[in-house]
N, C-alpha and C. Protein backbone atom coordinates (compact mmCIF):
# COMPACT_ATOMS: atom_id res chain seq x y z
N UNK A 1 131.58 154.99 75.86
CA UNK A 1 132.66 154.26 76.86
C UNK A 1 132.64 154.83 78.05
N UNK A 2 133.25 154.36 79.23
CA UNK A 2 133.12 154.86 80.64
C UNK A 2 134.43 155.48 81.00
N UNK A 3 134.27 156.33 81.86
CA UNK A 3 135.72 156.86 82.38
C UNK A 3 136.47 155.98 83.14
N UNK A 4 137.67 156.42 83.09
CA UNK A 4 138.68 155.57 84.17
C UNK A 4 138.02 155.51 85.68
N UNK A 5 137.67 156.49 86.05
CA UNK A 5 136.95 156.46 87.54
C UNK A 5 135.77 155.47 87.61
N UNK A 6 134.88 155.54 86.56
CA UNK A 6 133.93 154.67 86.47
C UNK A 6 134.23 153.24 86.27
N UNK A 7 135.34 153.06 85.55
CA UNK A 7 135.71 151.73 85.46
C UNK A 7 136.29 150.81 86.74
N UNK A 8 136.93 151.74 87.47
CA UNK A 8 137.54 151.47 88.97
C UNK A 8 136.42 151.20 89.72
N UNK A 9 135.48 152.11 89.66
CA UNK A 9 134.16 151.81 90.71
C UNK A 9 133.56 150.51 90.31
N UNK A 10 133.45 150.16 88.93
CA UNK A 10 132.70 149.02 88.64
C UNK A 10 133.62 147.49 89.10
N UNK A 11 134.91 147.82 88.98
CA UNK A 11 135.71 146.60 89.43
C UNK A 11 135.67 146.43 91.05
N UNK A 12 135.72 147.61 91.50
CA UNK A 12 135.58 147.58 93.12
C UNK A 12 134.25 146.83 93.46
N UNK A 13 133.29 147.36 93.01
CA UNK A 13 131.71 146.72 93.18
C UNK A 13 131.92 145.30 92.81
N UNK A 14 132.28 144.85 91.72
CA UNK A 14 132.25 143.54 91.53
C UNK A 14 132.93 142.53 92.44
N UNK A 15 134.10 143.21 92.76
CA UNK A 15 135.04 142.40 93.99
C UNK A 15 134.09 142.08 95.11
N UNK A 16 133.20 142.92 95.44
CA UNK A 16 132.52 142.72 96.60
C UNK A 16 131.40 141.69 96.29
N UNK A 17 130.88 142.10 95.29
CA UNK A 17 129.70 140.94 94.76
C UNK A 17 129.98 139.45 94.75
N UNK A 18 131.40 139.57 94.21
CA UNK A 18 132.38 138.28 93.97
C UNK A 18 132.21 137.30 95.34
N UNK A 19 132.57 138.15 96.18
CA UNK A 19 132.80 137.60 97.60
C UNK A 19 131.57 137.23 98.16
N UNK A 20 130.19 138.11 98.26
CA UNK A 20 128.90 137.82 98.62
C UNK A 20 128.68 136.64 97.72
N UNK A 21 128.66 136.66 96.72
CA UNK A 21 128.04 135.30 95.74
C UNK A 21 128.72 134.39 96.17
N UNK A 22 130.06 134.11 96.60
CA UNK A 22 130.54 132.97 96.87
C UNK A 22 130.05 132.40 98.10
N UNK A 23 129.77 133.44 98.85
CA UNK A 23 129.20 132.91 100.20
C UNK A 23 127.91 132.38 100.45
N UNK A 24 127.26 132.82 99.22
CA UNK A 24 125.93 132.67 98.92
C UNK A 24 125.71 131.39 98.28
N UNK A 25 126.78 131.19 97.48
CA UNK A 25 126.78 129.69 96.82
C UNK A 25 127.18 128.67 97.85
N UNK A 26 127.89 128.96 98.66
CA UNK A 26 128.41 127.89 99.79
C UNK A 26 127.06 127.61 100.63
N UNK A 27 126.46 128.92 101.10
CA UNK A 27 125.00 128.68 101.87
C UNK A 27 124.15 127.82 101.03
N UNK A 28 123.77 128.01 99.77
CA UNK A 28 122.84 127.47 98.99
C UNK A 28 123.23 126.01 98.87
N UNK A 29 124.41 125.86 98.46
CA UNK A 29 124.92 124.41 98.21
C UNK A 29 124.72 123.38 99.56
N UNK A 30 124.96 123.92 100.79
CA UNK A 30 125.02 123.00 101.80
C UNK A 30 123.44 123.01 102.14
N UNK A 31 122.61 124.13 101.64
CA UNK A 31 120.94 123.88 102.06
C UNK A 31 120.68 122.71 101.03
N UNK A 32 120.77 122.79 99.90
CA UNK A 32 120.35 121.80 98.96
C UNK A 32 120.80 120.55 99.06
N UNK A 33 122.21 120.41 99.52
CA UNK A 33 122.68 119.25 99.87
C UNK A 33 122.13 118.42 100.95
N UNK A 34 121.19 119.20 101.69
CA UNK A 34 120.76 118.50 103.05
C UNK A 34 119.22 118.38 102.26
N UNK A 35 118.78 119.09 101.56
CA UNK A 35 117.40 118.58 101.01
C UNK A 35 117.33 117.74 100.17
N UNK A 36 118.31 117.55 99.23
CA UNK A 36 118.47 116.76 98.16
C UNK A 36 120.05 115.98 98.02
N UNK A 37 120.33 115.19 98.67
CA UNK A 37 121.80 114.89 99.23
C UNK A 37 122.44 114.40 98.08
N UNK A 38 122.09 113.85 96.93
CA UNK A 38 122.95 113.42 95.96
C UNK A 38 122.84 114.34 94.59
N UNK A 39 121.79 114.99 94.47
CA UNK A 39 121.62 116.07 93.26
C UNK A 39 121.48 117.70 93.66
N UNK A 40 121.62 117.89 95.10
CA UNK A 40 121.24 119.29 95.71
C UNK A 40 122.18 120.24 94.86
N UNK A 41 123.42 119.97 95.11
CA UNK A 41 124.28 120.75 94.63
C UNK A 41 124.49 121.10 93.10
N UNK A 42 124.18 120.06 92.36
CA UNK A 42 124.26 120.00 91.00
C UNK A 42 122.98 120.94 90.36
N UNK A 43 121.88 120.98 91.19
CA UNK A 43 121.02 121.83 90.91
C UNK A 43 121.31 123.57 91.35
N UNK A 44 121.98 123.47 92.05
CA UNK A 44 122.56 125.03 92.46
C UNK A 44 123.13 125.59 91.36
N UNK A 45 124.41 124.32 90.62
CA UNK A 45 125.13 124.83 89.89
C UNK A 45 124.42 125.21 88.38
N UNK A 46 123.24 124.24 88.11
CA UNK A 46 122.39 124.58 86.87
C UNK A 46 121.88 126.10 87.19
N UNK A 47 121.51 126.23 88.40
CA UNK A 47 120.54 127.68 88.49
C UNK A 47 121.58 128.90 88.40
N UNK A 48 122.84 128.70 88.81
CA UNK A 48 123.88 129.62 88.45
C UNK A 48 123.96 129.79 87.05
N UNK A 49 124.32 128.45 86.40
CA UNK A 49 124.66 128.63 85.04
C UNK A 49 123.39 129.38 84.24
N UNK A 50 122.29 129.11 84.48
CA UNK A 50 121.18 129.53 83.83
C UNK A 50 120.84 130.98 83.91
N UNK A 51 121.34 131.74 85.33
CA UNK A 51 121.33 133.09 85.89
C UNK A 51 122.53 134.00 85.26
N UNK A 52 123.53 133.53 85.25
CA UNK A 52 124.52 134.54 84.91
C UNK A 52 124.88 134.52 83.28
N UNK A 53 124.30 133.72 82.56
CA UNK A 53 124.58 133.96 81.29
C UNK A 53 123.46 135.47 80.78
N UNK A 54 122.47 135.02 81.08
CA UNK A 54 121.81 136.48 80.50
C UNK A 54 122.02 137.62 81.40
N UNK A 55 122.56 137.60 82.40
CA UNK A 55 123.22 139.03 83.04
C UNK A 55 124.46 139.48 82.47
N UNK A 56 125.19 138.28 81.94
CA UNK A 56 126.49 139.13 81.23
C UNK A 56 126.35 139.47 79.83
N UNK A 57 125.17 139.09 79.43
CA UNK A 57 124.81 139.77 78.17
C UNK A 57 124.45 140.89 78.23
N UNK A 58 123.40 141.07 79.21
CA UNK A 58 122.78 142.47 79.73
C UNK A 58 123.86 143.58 79.91
N UNK A 59 125.00 143.14 80.73
CA UNK A 59 126.06 143.91 81.03
C UNK A 59 126.65 144.55 79.82
N UNK A 60 126.99 143.36 78.81
CA UNK A 60 128.10 143.67 77.72
C UNK A 60 127.21 144.67 76.88
N UNK A 61 125.80 144.80 76.69
CA UNK A 61 125.21 145.49 75.91
C UNK A 61 124.61 146.70 76.45
N UNK A 62 125.11 146.99 77.91
CA UNK A 62 124.65 148.38 78.55
C UNK A 62 125.25 149.49 78.27
N UNK A 63 124.62 150.41 77.96
CA UNK A 63 125.33 151.53 77.32
C UNK A 63 125.16 152.68 78.44
N UNK A 64 124.42 152.55 79.45
CA UNK A 64 124.26 153.35 80.55
C UNK A 64 125.15 152.90 81.94
N UNK A 65 125.65 153.90 82.67
CA UNK A 65 126.85 153.47 83.58
C UNK A 65 126.04 152.35 84.54
N UNK A 66 124.93 153.40 85.37
CA UNK A 66 124.28 152.74 86.19
C UNK A 66 123.49 151.33 85.98
N UNK A 67 123.20 150.94 84.72
CA UNK A 67 122.83 149.75 84.18
C UNK A 67 123.77 148.67 84.28
N UNK A 68 124.98 149.14 83.68
CA UNK A 68 126.46 148.32 83.70
C UNK A 68 126.60 147.91 84.80
N UNK A 69 126.97 148.89 85.91
CA UNK A 69 127.04 148.42 87.29
C UNK A 69 126.31 147.50 87.73
N UNK A 70 124.66 147.51 87.80
CA UNK A 70 123.74 146.77 88.11
C UNK A 70 123.91 145.12 87.67
N UNK A 71 124.06 145.08 86.03
CA UNK A 71 124.08 144.08 85.59
C UNK A 71 125.39 143.10 85.83
N UNK A 72 126.37 143.80 86.01
CA UNK A 72 127.81 143.27 86.44
C UNK A 72 127.79 142.63 87.57
N UNK A 73 127.23 143.45 88.75
CA UNK A 73 127.29 143.02 90.06
C UNK A 73 126.16 141.80 90.13
N UNK A 74 125.16 141.71 89.39
CA UNK A 74 124.48 140.70 89.48
C UNK A 74 124.79 139.58 88.83
N UNK A 75 125.85 139.52 87.76
CA UNK A 75 126.47 138.32 87.22
C UNK A 75 127.35 137.96 88.13
N UNK A 76 128.23 138.55 88.95
CA UNK A 76 129.19 138.06 89.86
C UNK A 76 128.36 137.20 91.09
N UNK A 77 127.29 137.85 91.44
CA UNK A 77 126.37 137.50 92.63
C UNK A 77 126.01 136.10 92.13
N UNK A 78 125.78 135.76 91.01
CA UNK A 78 125.21 134.31 90.65
C UNK A 78 126.02 133.67 90.14
N UNK A 79 126.92 134.25 89.45
CA UNK A 79 128.20 133.33 88.63
C UNK A 79 129.25 132.56 89.34
N UNK A 80 129.38 133.13 90.82
CA UNK A 80 130.28 132.55 91.48
C UNK A 80 129.83 131.51 92.51
N UNK A 81 128.88 131.05 92.45
CA UNK A 81 127.95 129.92 93.15
C UNK A 81 128.53 128.80 92.90
N UNK A 82 128.85 128.48 91.77
CA UNK A 82 129.43 126.95 91.18
C UNK A 82 130.59 126.63 91.96
N UNK A 83 131.54 127.24 91.91
CA UNK A 83 132.91 126.54 92.91
C UNK A 83 132.55 126.29 94.07
N UNK A 84 132.00 127.12 94.84
CA UNK A 84 131.34 126.86 96.37
C UNK A 84 130.40 125.95 96.70
N UNK A 85 129.53 126.15 95.79
CA UNK A 85 128.52 125.06 96.23
C UNK A 85 128.43 123.53 95.59
N UNK A 86 129.11 123.79 94.34
CA UNK A 86 129.32 122.23 93.74
C UNK A 86 130.63 121.66 93.58
N UNK A 87 131.37 122.52 92.86
CA UNK A 87 132.56 121.90 92.30
C UNK A 87 133.67 121.44 93.40
N UNK A 88 134.07 122.32 94.27
CA UNK A 88 134.98 121.84 95.45
C UNK A 88 134.23 120.87 96.34
N UNK A 89 132.97 120.83 96.88
CA UNK A 89 132.38 120.03 97.53
C UNK A 89 132.42 118.65 97.12
N UNK A 90 131.99 118.45 95.73
CA UNK A 90 131.76 117.06 94.99
C UNK A 90 133.28 116.57 94.86
N UNK A 91 134.38 117.49 94.54
CA UNK A 91 135.60 116.86 94.50
C UNK A 91 135.94 116.30 95.70
N UNK A 92 135.62 116.94 96.78
CA UNK A 92 136.16 116.58 97.94
C UNK A 92 135.56 115.07 98.53
N UNK A 93 134.24 115.21 98.10
CA UNK A 93 133.30 113.98 98.30
C UNK A 93 133.85 112.72 97.41
N UNK A 94 134.34 113.21 96.26
CA UNK A 94 134.76 111.97 95.44
C UNK A 94 135.98 111.36 95.68
N UNK A 95 137.04 111.97 96.15
CA UNK A 95 138.25 111.78 96.47
C UNK A 95 138.34 110.80 97.77
N UNK A 96 139.11 109.99 98.00
CA UNK A 96 139.22 109.23 98.82
C UNK A 96 140.15 109.45 99.98
N UNK A 97 141.56 110.45 99.45
CA UNK A 97 142.35 110.85 100.35
C UNK A 97 143.01 111.99 100.10
N UNK A 98 143.49 112.47 100.74
CA UNK A 98 144.17 113.98 100.46
C UNK A 98 145.16 113.94 99.28
N UNK A 99 145.54 112.80 98.73
CA UNK A 99 146.26 112.78 97.59
C UNK A 99 145.77 112.77 96.26
N UNK A 100 144.21 112.55 96.31
CA UNK A 100 143.55 112.40 95.16
C UNK A 100 142.76 113.87 95.18
N UNK A 101 142.52 114.49 96.13
CA UNK A 101 142.26 115.73 96.21
C UNK A 101 143.07 116.73 95.62
N UNK A 102 144.38 116.44 95.90
CA UNK A 102 145.71 117.30 95.23
C UNK A 102 145.65 116.96 93.96
N UNK A 103 145.69 115.81 93.32
CA UNK A 103 145.53 115.61 92.08
C UNK A 103 144.28 116.12 91.20
N UNK A 104 142.95 116.04 92.00
CA UNK A 104 142.19 116.94 91.31
C UNK A 104 142.09 118.30 91.06
N UNK A 105 142.78 118.69 92.23
CA UNK A 105 142.84 120.46 92.07
C UNK A 105 143.70 120.77 91.19
N UNK A 106 144.88 120.01 91.28
CA UNK A 106 146.09 120.35 89.96
C UNK A 106 145.45 120.02 88.49
N UNK A 107 144.88 119.14 88.44
CA UNK A 107 144.22 118.97 87.26
C UNK A 107 143.24 119.92 86.61
N UNK A 108 142.33 120.62 87.60
CA UNK A 108 141.49 121.53 87.55
C UNK A 108 142.06 122.83 86.90
N UNK A 109 143.17 122.87 87.75
CA UNK A 109 143.88 124.41 87.40
C UNK A 109 144.25 124.25 86.33
N UNK A 110 145.04 123.07 85.88
CA UNK A 110 145.87 123.10 84.47
C UNK A 110 144.89 123.01 83.42
N UNK A 111 143.68 122.64 83.46
CA UNK A 111 142.86 122.55 82.48
C UNK A 111 142.11 124.15 82.29
N UNK A 112 141.80 124.60 83.36
CA UNK A 112 141.35 126.01 83.63
C UNK A 112 142.18 126.96 82.79
N UNK A 113 143.46 127.02 83.06
CA UNK A 113 144.50 127.95 82.54
C UNK A 113 144.76 127.72 81.24
N UNK A 114 144.81 126.41 80.86
CA UNK A 114 145.03 126.09 79.52
C UNK A 114 143.80 126.59 78.50
N UNK A 115 142.85 126.06 78.87
CA UNK A 115 141.49 126.89 78.15
C UNK A 115 141.44 128.18 78.10
N UNK A 116 141.56 128.84 79.23
CA UNK A 116 141.51 130.24 79.39
C UNK A 116 142.74 130.77 78.48
N UNK A 117 143.82 130.49 78.09
CA UNK A 117 145.06 130.86 77.38
C UNK A 117 144.56 130.79 76.16
N UNK A 118 143.79 129.69 75.77
CA UNK A 118 143.70 129.21 74.46
C UNK A 118 142.45 129.98 73.83
N UNK A 119 141.51 129.75 74.39
CA UNK A 119 139.99 130.30 74.07
C UNK A 119 139.68 131.69 74.56
N UNK A 120 140.49 131.94 75.41
CA UNK A 120 140.09 133.23 75.94
C UNK A 120 140.42 134.52 74.98
N UNK A 121 141.45 135.35 75.36
CA UNK A 121 141.70 136.54 74.89
C UNK A 121 142.26 136.13 73.12
N UNK A 122 143.02 135.41 73.05
CA UNK A 122 143.21 135.00 71.73
C UNK A 122 142.45 134.99 70.70
N UNK A 123 141.44 134.13 71.14
CA UNK A 123 140.37 133.57 70.24
C UNK A 123 139.21 134.89 70.11
N UNK A 124 139.12 135.61 71.03
CA UNK A 124 138.14 136.70 71.13
C UNK A 124 138.69 137.81 70.24
N UNK A 125 140.06 138.02 70.40
CA UNK A 125 140.70 138.98 69.47
C UNK A 125 140.51 138.86 68.11
N UNK A 126 140.98 137.30 67.74
CA UNK A 126 140.77 136.88 66.42
C UNK A 126 139.20 137.20 65.91
N UNK A 127 138.38 136.52 66.68
CA UNK A 127 136.80 136.83 66.00
C UNK A 127 136.52 138.23 65.78
N UNK A 128 136.82 138.94 66.71
CA UNK A 128 136.57 140.37 66.97
C UNK A 128 137.40 141.13 65.38
N UNK A 129 138.59 140.79 65.17
CA UNK A 129 139.12 141.23 64.08
C UNK A 129 138.65 140.71 62.90
N UNK A 130 138.09 139.54 62.78
CA UNK A 130 137.47 139.05 61.39
C UNK A 130 135.90 139.85 61.34
N UNK A 131 135.57 140.03 62.28
CA UNK A 131 134.14 140.74 62.25
C UNK A 131 134.19 142.43 61.72
N UNK A 132 135.40 142.86 62.33
CA UNK A 132 135.80 144.34 61.78
C UNK A 132 136.08 144.40 60.45
N UNK A 133 137.02 143.37 60.03
CA UNK A 133 137.55 143.38 58.83
C UNK A 133 136.62 143.32 57.69
N UNK A 134 135.04 142.42 58.19
CA UNK A 134 134.04 141.90 57.09
C UNK A 134 133.51 143.45 57.15
N UNK A 135 133.12 144.08 58.26
CA UNK A 135 132.29 145.48 58.19
C UNK A 135 133.17 146.18 57.15
N UNK A 136 134.48 146.39 57.75
CA UNK A 136 135.15 147.29 56.70
C UNK A 136 135.13 147.14 55.16
N UNK A 137 135.27 145.73 54.92
CA UNK A 137 134.94 145.36 53.55
C UNK A 137 133.86 145.78 52.93
N UNK A 138 132.49 145.35 53.71
CA UNK A 138 131.42 145.57 53.23
C UNK A 138 130.83 147.06 52.83
N UNK A 139 131.48 148.02 53.76
CA UNK A 139 130.94 149.40 53.94
C UNK A 139 132.17 150.05 52.98
N UNK A 140 133.35 149.45 52.56
CA UNK A 140 134.40 150.31 52.00
C UNK A 140 135.07 151.23 52.66
N UNK A 141 134.93 151.17 53.77
CA UNK A 141 135.84 151.83 54.92
C UNK A 141 137.11 151.19 55.28
N UNK A 142 138.06 152.26 55.53
CA UNK A 142 139.32 151.63 56.21
C UNK A 142 139.50 151.64 57.60
N UNK A 143 138.66 152.95 58.30
CA UNK A 143 138.47 152.88 59.75
C UNK A 143 137.03 152.75 59.97
N UNK A 144 136.85 151.76 60.90
CA UNK A 144 135.78 151.46 61.55
C UNK A 144 135.53 152.22 62.99
N UNK A 145 134.17 152.57 62.87
CA UNK A 145 133.66 153.65 63.92
C UNK A 145 134.05 152.65 65.58
N UNK A 146 134.40 153.67 66.68
CA UNK A 146 134.53 152.83 68.00
C UNK A 146 133.12 152.18 68.14
N UNK A 147 131.91 152.83 68.04
CA UNK A 147 130.79 151.85 68.34
C UNK A 147 130.57 150.64 67.74
N UNK A 148 131.10 150.60 66.34
CA UNK A 148 131.11 149.14 65.81
C UNK A 148 132.03 148.41 66.25
N UNK A 149 133.20 148.78 66.81
CA UNK A 149 134.26 148.02 67.26
C UNK A 149 133.65 147.48 68.58
N UNK A 150 133.10 148.33 69.51
CA UNK A 150 132.54 147.83 70.85
C UNK A 150 131.41 146.60 70.48
N UNK A 151 130.74 147.10 69.76
CA UNK A 151 129.38 145.89 69.37
C UNK A 151 130.24 144.61 68.86
N UNK A 152 131.43 144.63 68.01
CA UNK A 152 131.92 143.52 67.48
C UNK A 152 132.70 142.71 68.75
N UNK A 153 133.22 143.37 69.46
CA UNK A 153 133.80 143.03 70.72
C UNK A 153 132.74 142.28 71.59
N UNK A 154 131.62 142.96 71.85
CA UNK A 154 130.58 142.55 72.74
C UNK A 154 129.99 141.23 72.11
N UNK A 155 129.63 141.23 71.08
CA UNK A 155 129.44 140.01 70.32
C UNK A 155 130.23 138.68 70.61
N UNK A 156 131.37 139.22 70.21
CA UNK A 156 132.52 137.82 70.20
C UNK A 156 132.73 137.61 71.79
N UNK A 157 132.51 138.29 72.47
CA UNK A 157 132.64 137.88 74.30
C UNK A 157 131.36 137.34 74.48
N UNK A 158 130.28 137.41 74.13
CA UNK A 158 128.97 137.05 74.67
C UNK A 158 128.83 135.75 73.98
N UNK A 159 129.12 135.67 72.42
CA UNK A 159 128.93 134.26 71.75
C UNK A 159 129.95 133.23 72.37
N UNK A 160 131.10 133.62 72.73
CA UNK A 160 132.01 132.62 73.17
C UNK A 160 131.57 132.26 74.55
N UNK A 161 131.34 133.24 75.33
CA UNK A 161 130.67 132.94 76.53
C UNK A 161 129.63 131.85 76.67
N UNK A 162 128.42 132.15 75.79
CA UNK A 162 127.36 131.36 75.80
C UNK A 162 127.66 129.97 75.30
N UNK A 163 128.66 129.94 74.38
CA UNK A 163 128.94 128.54 73.81
C UNK A 163 129.57 127.56 74.90
N UNK A 164 130.57 128.28 75.62
CA UNK A 164 131.30 127.17 76.78
C UNK A 164 130.59 127.11 77.92
N UNK A 165 129.98 128.21 78.34
CA UNK A 165 128.95 128.30 79.50
C UNK A 165 127.47 127.06 78.93
N UNK A 166 127.58 127.16 77.82
CA UNK A 166 126.31 126.09 77.47
C UNK A 166 127.12 124.63 77.80
N UNK A 167 128.21 124.32 77.30
CA UNK A 167 128.93 123.28 77.54
C UNK A 167 128.78 122.72 78.80
N UNK A 168 129.01 123.81 79.72
CA UNK A 168 128.91 123.57 81.18
C UNK A 168 127.62 123.12 81.64
N UNK A 169 126.69 123.85 81.10
CA UNK A 169 125.28 123.74 81.43
C UNK A 169 124.65 122.11 81.07
N UNK A 170 125.13 121.77 79.86
CA UNK A 170 125.00 120.29 79.53
C UNK A 170 125.69 119.69 80.35
N UNK A 171 126.90 119.73 80.83
CA UNK A 171 127.59 118.63 81.56
C UNK A 171 126.98 118.43 83.20
N UNK A 172 126.39 119.52 83.77
CA UNK A 172 125.68 119.63 84.98
C UNK A 172 124.45 119.08 84.47
N UNK A 173 123.49 118.94 83.35
CA UNK A 173 122.45 118.40 83.36
C UNK A 173 122.69 116.79 83.00
N UNK A 174 123.85 116.72 82.48
CA UNK A 174 124.19 115.30 82.37
C UNK A 174 124.43 114.33 83.71
N UNK A 175 124.90 115.18 84.84
CA UNK A 175 125.56 115.08 85.79
C UNK A 175 124.09 114.82 86.89
N UNK A 176 122.99 115.59 86.52
CA UNK A 176 122.14 115.63 87.34
C UNK A 176 121.02 114.31 87.16
N UNK A 177 121.41 113.77 86.02
CA UNK A 177 120.58 112.29 85.74
C UNK A 177 121.41 111.19 85.94
N UNK A 178 122.87 111.41 85.77
CA UNK A 178 123.86 110.20 86.14
C UNK A 178 124.65 109.97 87.27
N UNK A 179 124.72 111.10 88.08
CA UNK A 179 125.74 111.32 89.00
C UNK A 179 125.34 110.37 90.53
N UNK A 180 126.23 109.63 90.94
CA UNK A 180 125.91 109.11 92.30
C UNK A 180 127.23 108.94 92.87
N UNK A 181 127.09 109.41 94.31
CA UNK A 181 128.41 109.35 94.93
C UNK A 181 128.37 108.01 95.40
N UNK A 182 129.90 107.62 95.78
CA UNK A 182 129.93 106.36 96.43
C UNK A 182 129.17 106.19 97.86
N UNK A 183 128.67 104.99 98.17
CA UNK A 183 127.71 104.52 98.88
C UNK A 183 127.99 104.74 100.22
N UNK A 184 129.15 105.05 100.92
CA UNK A 184 129.62 105.64 102.00
C UNK A 184 129.35 107.20 102.44
N UNK A 185 129.78 107.63 101.10
CA UNK A 185 129.53 109.40 101.32
C UNK A 185 127.83 109.32 100.96
N UNK A 186 127.25 108.77 100.43
CA UNK A 186 125.72 109.19 100.30
C UNK A 186 125.37 108.75 101.82
N UNK A 187 125.71 107.58 102.23
CA UNK A 187 125.25 107.29 103.41
C UNK A 187 125.47 108.33 104.62
N UNK A 188 126.78 109.29 104.33
CA UNK A 188 127.37 110.23 105.38
C UNK A 188 126.01 111.38 105.17
N UNK A 189 125.78 111.69 104.01
CA UNK A 189 125.12 112.69 103.56
C UNK A 189 123.55 112.67 104.17
N UNK A 190 123.08 111.48 103.87
CA UNK A 190 121.56 111.10 104.31
C UNK A 190 121.73 110.93 105.96
N UNK A 191 122.64 110.80 106.52
CA UNK A 191 122.94 110.67 108.00
C UNK A 191 122.66 112.13 108.60
N UNK A 192 123.66 112.98 107.79
CA UNK A 192 123.58 114.22 108.45
C UNK A 192 122.48 114.91 107.99
N UNK A 193 121.52 114.74 106.74
CA UNK A 193 120.45 115.30 106.89
C UNK A 193 119.09 114.75 107.94
N UNK A 194 119.32 113.36 108.08
CA UNK A 194 118.35 112.98 108.94
C UNK A 194 118.76 113.49 110.24
N UNK A 195 120.25 113.80 110.90
CA UNK A 195 120.55 114.21 112.12
C UNK A 195 119.88 115.73 112.34
N UNK A 196 119.97 116.47 111.13
CA UNK A 196 119.72 117.79 111.16
C UNK A 196 118.27 117.78 111.67
N UNK A 197 117.42 117.10 110.77
CA UNK A 197 116.05 116.97 110.99
C UNK A 197 115.37 116.48 112.18
N UNK A 198 116.42 115.78 113.12
CA UNK A 198 116.03 115.14 114.33
C UNK A 198 116.47 116.47 115.50
N UNK A 199 117.52 117.30 114.93
CA UNK A 199 117.70 118.24 115.78
C UNK A 199 116.83 119.13 115.81
N UNK A 200 116.11 119.58 114.60
CA UNK A 200 114.87 120.36 114.41
C UNK A 200 113.83 120.29 114.93
N UNK A 201 113.50 118.78 114.95
CA UNK A 201 112.26 118.29 115.77
C UNK A 201 112.67 118.36 117.52
N UNK A 202 113.73 118.10 117.79
CA UNK A 202 114.02 118.47 119.32
C UNK A 202 113.97 119.71 119.71
N UNK A 203 114.50 120.60 119.00
CA UNK A 203 114.44 122.13 119.07
C UNK A 203 112.95 122.59 119.33
N UNK A 204 112.31 122.13 118.55
CA UNK A 204 110.75 122.49 118.45
C UNK A 204 110.05 121.97 119.69
N UNK A 205 110.65 120.46 119.96
CA UNK A 205 109.85 120.12 121.27
C UNK A 205 110.31 120.74 122.57
N UNK A 206 111.51 121.08 122.54
CA UNK A 206 112.05 122.00 123.74
C UNK A 206 111.43 123.09 123.91
N UNK A 207 110.93 124.06 122.74
CA UNK A 207 110.32 125.39 122.89
C UNK A 207 108.90 125.19 123.25
N UNK A 208 108.41 123.83 122.96
CA UNK A 208 106.91 123.76 123.25
C UNK A 208 106.80 123.29 124.81
């Protein structure tokens, strides 16, 4: 295990990485939204899901402090793309007025908090206790070693994370094939990308 000072350092570093990752997500989302007006933000969300699943697994099974810091910071750099790059902009594009946006955000927070309360710590604790009980029964021991407890907890966390992130990835994949913005919003996005291209061409002309 890590010392208290090391845990504090990890938490401090991932806070900074999370802020940088959110900024990166916003930049990537805007860039790909201009290149691919209807699906660009969804592509960024899919990339985020594909990248942060393995990095989280590498962090959970890291026994060296330096590698744990590296993988956890890399996880926060990639896992924070989705809200800034896709979720919030797409919700804003789909809503017709501020009232609808408020309803979407409130429903989003309600579902998120409910799922985390039900499928978060309680389910992880239940699965970990079942794994430890099976191991104790198999070995005929009352007390399980700390290393076995850590491995059981890591397995429970990673398996649940992969399951729910996999559902997210499937939903984003379905959206990539079926999602269409309203015509007015799609036209705005296309006009915006065309305007940017015209500005770039004008800038090149002026430089020449």
